[in-house]
């Protein structure tokens, strides 16, 4: 049973990364509406998900997308919904940047 749970958690992290990649591809292609929609879906999953889902979204999705947005000089405040924005600020404050 423990192996199955570990595999499920790994799958959640992989899915979060794939969704982050999709979001970033929308930003690259200039399809901002779809990128924002992805972020809204992620926000919904974050607020309704269990702790594993919340951790995957925070540690993988938010980190990946926000890093990409910073490199490309996108305003995070204009894109991230409230809870994802809060997770981003927690990461920045924790890192000491």
Protein backbone atom coordinates (compact mmCIF):
# COMPACT_ATOMS: atom_id res chain seq x y z
CA UNK A 1 0.00 0.00 0.00
CA UNK A 2 2.77 2.45 0.82
CA UNK A 3 4.32 2.09 -2.65
CA UNK A 4 0.99 2.85 -4.28
CA UNK A 5 0.58 6.03 -2.21
CA UNK A 6 4.12 7.10 -3.08
CA UNK A 7 3.38 6.51 -6.76
CA UNK A 8 0.20 8.57 -6.49
CA UNK A 9 2.10 11.46 -4.92
CA UNK A 10 4.77 11.26 -7.65
CA UNK A 11 2.00 11.30 -10.27
CA UNK A 12 0.46 14.41 -8.69
CA UNK A 13 3.82 16.18 -8.94
CA UNK A 14 4.28 15.07 -12.56
CA UNK A 15 0.79 16.29 -13.44
CA UNK A 16 1.48 19.62 -11.76
CA UNK A 17 4.63 19.98 -13.87
CA UNK A 18 2.79 19.07 -17.07
CA UNK A 19 0.08 21.62 -16.30
CA UNK A 20 2.76 24.24 -15.57
CA UNK A 21 4.35 23.44 -18.94
CA UNK A 22 0.98 23.87 -20.67
CA UNK A 23 0.46 27.21 -18.91
CA UNK A 24 3.92 28.40 -19.93
CA UNK A 25 3.33 27.35 -23.54
CA UNK A 26 0.17 29.48 -23.60
CA UNK A 27 2.15 32.44 -22.29
CA UNK A 28 4.88 31.90 -24.92
CA UNK A 29 2.32 31.74 -27.71
CA UNK A 30 0.61 34.90 -26.47
CA UNK A 31 -2.59 33.12 -25.52
CA UNK A 32 -2.90 34.92 -22.21
CA UNK A 33 -6.59 34.14 -21.76
CA UNK A 34 -5.90 30.41 -21.81
CA UNK A 35 -2.90 30.82 -19.50
CA UNK A 36 -5.05 32.72 -17.02
CA UNK A 37 -7.73 30.05 -17.34
CA UNK A 38 -5.11 27.40 -16.47
CA UNK A 39 -4.17 29.42 -13.41
CA UNK A 40 -7.82 29.69 -12.38
CA UNK A 41 -8.23 25.91 -12.68
CA UNK A 42 -5.08 25.45 -10.62
CA UNK A 43 -6.39 27.91 -8.03
CA UNK A 44 -9.58 25.86 -7.77
CA UNK A 45 -7.61 22.62 -7.36
CA UNK A 46 -5.43 24.30 -4.74
CA UNK A 47 -8.35 25.52 -2.64
CA UNK A 48 -10.31 22.26 -2.87
CA UNK A 49 -7.45 19.77 -2.93
CA UNK A 50 -5.90 17.75 -0.14
CA UNK A 51 -2.49 18.52 1.32
CA UNK A 52 -0.62 16.50 -1.34
CA UNK A 53 -2.33 18.42 -4.14
CA UNK A 54 -1.69 21.74 -2.41
CA UNK A 55 1.99 20.88 -1.92
CA UNK A 56 2.38 19.81 -5.56
CA UNK A 57 0.75 22.99 -6.80
CA UNK A 58 2.82 25.18 -4.53
CA UNK A 59 6.16 23.41 -4.96
CA UNK A 60 5.91 22.53 -8.64
CA UNK A 61 3.28 24.59 -10.47
CA UNK A 62 3.71 27.93 -8.71
CA UNK A 63 7.49 27.64 -8.61
CA UNK A 64 7.76 26.63 -12.28
CA UNK A 65 5.33 29.20 -13.66
CA UNK A 66 6.53 32.07 -11.46
CA UNK A 67 10.18 31.40 -12.30
CA UNK A 68 9.30 31.42 -15.99
CA UNK A 69 7.29 34.62 -15.61
CA UNK A 70 10.11 36.37 -13.77
CA UNK A 71 12.62 35.44 -16.46
CA UNK A 72 10.28 36.81 -19.13
CA UNK A 73 9.39 39.93 -17.09
CA UNK A 74 5.69 39.12 -16.71
CA UNK A 75 3.86 40.68 -13.78
CA UNK A 76 2.87 37.88 -11.45
CA UNK A 77 0.34 40.08 -9.68
CA UNK A 78 -1.60 40.52 -12.93
CA UNK A 79 -1.80 36.79 -13.66
CA UNK A 80 -1.87 34.67 -10.50
CA UNK A 81 -5.17 34.31 -8.66
CA UNK A 82 -5.12 35.24 -4.96
CA UNK A 83 -4.12 31.91 -3.38
CA UNK A 84 -1.44 31.14 -5.97
CA UNK A 85 -0.11 34.65 -5.53
CA UNK A 86 0.06 34.07 -1.76
CA UNK A 87 2.00 30.83 -2.34
CA UNK A 88 4.39 32.69 -4.61
CA UNK A 89 5.00 35.36 -1.95
CA UNK A 90 5.59 32.66 0.68
CA UNK A 91 8.26 31.14 -1.56
CA UNK A 92 9.94 34.48 -2.18
CA UNK A 93 9.89 35.42 1.50
CA UNK A 94 11.17 31.99 2.56
CA UNK A 95 14.03 32.10 0.07
CA UNK A 96 15.18 35.46 1.37
CA UNK A 97 15.13 37.08 -2.07
